[in-house]
Structures are given as structure tokens and as C-alpha cells.
Amino acid sequence: MAHALNITHGGLNLTARIRDLIDCIKRANARAREYSKTYSELQRLSDRELNDIGIRRCDIADIAREHAYCS
């Protein structure tokens, strides 16, 4: 008596899933670098320069997060 084994998956093989995971990690790292760069650049500005462009120092983290993760 012969037994057949049918294995199905969600349409992606293991190699494709690993590739997708690596791509996702690369995108996350790029966004984190963009956040850090934006945050650092805004932190380096003086209070007067920030006031001239309409940014409060306490809003820098929110602005950097929005720039990196929402655009």
C-alpha cells in the first residue's frame, strides 16, 4: 500500500520568505537611520533657528518620527 504525502504552503517557499524577511529588516533599518539623521539635524539647531521655522524643541522627536515612518 503506497502513501502519498502532499505538502501545501501559502504560496511562498522558504527562500522567498527569508528574502522577504531580510527586505523587511533592511527597510526598518533604513527608516531608523532616517529618524536618527532627522532627529540629530533638528537637535543641532539653536532655539532661535527652530523658532524661525516654527518648531518647538519638544516636538523634534515627533517630527523626526513622522518624517521617517509616515512618509
C-alpha atoms as a PDB file:
ATOM      1  CA  MET A   1       0.000   0.000   0.000  1.00  0.00           C
ATOM      2  CA  ALA A   2       1.530   3.317  -1.098  1.00  0.00           C
ATOM      3  CA  HIS A   3       1.068   6.551   0.771  1.00  0.00           C
ATOM      4  CA  ALA A   4       1.313   9.909  -0.897  1.00  0.00           C
ATOM      5  CA  LEU A   5       2.292  12.955   1.084  1.00  0.00           C
ATOM      6  CA  ASN A   6       1.021  16.284  -0.171  1.00  0.00           C
ATOM      7  CA  ILE A   7       2.539  19.317   1.459  1.00  0.00           C
ATOM      8  CA  THR A   8       0.995  22.641   0.634  1.00  0.00           C
ATOM      9  CA  HIS A   9       2.079  26.054   1.722  1.00  0.00           C
ATOM     10  CA  GLY A  10       0.858  29.591   1.446  1.00  0.00           C
ATOM     11  CA  GLY A  11       2.350  30.153  -1.974  1.00  0.00           C
ATOM     12  CA  LEU A  12       5.793  31.230  -0.817  1.00  0.00           C
ATOM     13  CA  ASN A  13       8.706  28.894  -0.495  1.00  0.00           C
ATOM     14  CA  LEU A  14      11.165  29.173   2.357  1.00  0.00           C
ATOM     15  CA  THR A  15      13.718  31.057   0.275  1.00  0.00           C
ATOM     16  CA  ALA A  16      11.168  33.706  -0.703  1.00  0.00           C
ATOM     17  CA  ARG A  17      10.017  34.077   2.908  1.00  0.00           C
ATOM     18  CA  ILE A  18      13.596  34.556   4.104  1.00  0.00           C
ATOM     19  CA  ARG A  19      14.225  37.087   1.307  1.00  0.00           C
ATOM     20  CA  ASP A  20      11.075  38.984   2.345  1.00  0.00           C
ATOM     21  CA  LEU A  21      12.201  38.983   5.975  1.00  0.00           C
ATOM     22  CA  ILE A  22      15.616  40.342   5.018  1.00  0.00           C
ATOM     23  CA  ASP A  23      13.995  43.062   2.879  1.00  0.00           C
ATOM     24  CA  CYS A  24      11.718  43.987   5.772  1.00  0.00           C
ATOM     25  CA  ILE A  25      14.698  44.275   8.131  1.00  0.00           C
ATOM     26  CA  LYS A  26      16.572  46.430   5.615  1.00  0.00           C
ATOM     27  CA  ARG A  27      13.584  48.780   5.289  1.00  0.00           C
ATOM     28  CA  ALA A  28      13.265  49.017   9.079  1.00  0.00           C
ATOM     29  CA  ASN A  29      16.968  49.826   9.419  1.00  0.00           C
ATOM     30  CA  ALA A  30      16.752  52.482   6.697  1.00  0.00           C
ATOM     31  CA  ARG A  31      13.800  54.106   8.466  1.00  0.00           C
ATOM     32  CA  ALA A  32      15.638  54.030  11.785  1.00  0.00           C
ATOM     33  CA  ARG A  33      18.670  55.704  10.180  1.00  0.00           C
ATOM     34  CA  GLU A  34      16.428  58.360   8.614  1.00  0.00           C
ATOM     35  CA  TYR A  35      14.795  59.031  12.002  1.00  0.00           C
ATOM     36  CA  SER A  36      18.180  59.336  13.689  1.00  0.00           C
ATOM     37  CA  LYS A  37      19.524  61.651  10.986  1.00  0.00           C
ATOM     38  CA  THR A  38      16.483  63.927  11.076  1.00  0.00           C
ATOM     39  CA  TYR A  39      16.425  63.997  14.878  1.00  0.00           C
ATOM     40  CA  SER A  40      20.142  64.851  15.074  1.00  0.00           C
ATOM     41  CA  GLU A  41      19.913  67.589  12.466  1.00  0.00           C
ATOM     42  CA  LEU A  42      16.998  69.259  14.244  1.00  0.00           C
ATOM     43  CA  GLN A  43      18.642  68.906  17.666  1.00  0.00           C
ATOM     44  CA  ARG A  44      21.714  70.743  16.378  1.00  0.00           C
ATOM     45  CA  LEU A  45      19.660  73.835  15.552  1.00  0.00           C
ATOM     46  CA  SER A  46      19.536  76.649  18.072  1.00  0.00           C
ATOM     47  CA  ASP A  47      16.268  77.617  19.752  1.00  0.00           C
ATOM     48  CA  ARG A  48      16.147  80.718  17.585  1.00  0.00           C
ATOM     49  CA  GLU A  49      16.573  78.713  14.368  1.00  0.00           C
ATOM     50  CA  LEU A  50      13.868  76.299  15.475  1.00  0.00           C
ATOM     51  CA  ASN A  51      11.572  79.217  16.305  1.00  0.00           C
ATOM     52  CA  ASP A  52      12.208  80.700  12.848  1.00  0.00           C
ATOM     53  CA  ILE A  53      10.943  77.508  11.174  1.00  0.00           C
ATOM     54  CA  GLY A  54       8.077  77.065  13.634  1.00  0.00           C
ATOM     55  CA  ILE A  55       9.326  74.041  15.553  1.00  0.00           C
ATOM     56  CA  ARG A  56       9.414  73.672  19.311  1.00  0.00           C
ATOM     57  CA  ARG A  57      12.299  71.640  20.722  1.00  0.00           C
ATOM     58  CA  CYS A  58       9.847  69.293  22.448  1.00  0.00           C
ATOM     59  CA  ASP A  59       8.337  68.414  19.029  1.00  0.00           C
ATOM     60  CA  ILE A  60      11.582  67.248  17.417  1.00  0.00           C
ATOM     61  CA  ALA A  61      11.082  63.543  18.173  1.00  0.00           C
ATOM     62  CA  ASP A  62       7.531  63.602  16.781  1.00  0.00           C
ATOM     63  CA  ILE A  63       8.625  65.416  13.631  1.00  0.00           C
ATOM     64  CA  ALA A  64      11.516  63.019  13.048  1.00  0.00           C
ATOM     65  CA  ARG A  65       9.232  60.015  13.611  1.00  0.00           C
ATOM     66  CA  GLU A  66       6.630  61.340  11.208  1.00  0.00           C
ATOM     67  CA  HIS A  67       9.295  62.075   8.592  1.00  0.00           C
ATOM     68  CA  ALA A  68      10.892  58.638   8.822  1.00  0.00           C
ATOM     69  CA  TYR A  69       7.899  56.385   9.323  1.00  0.00           C
ATOM     70  CA  CYS A  70       4.917  58.158   7.769  1.00  0.00           C
ATOM     71  CA  SER A  71       6.285  59.489   4.514  1.00  0.00           C
END
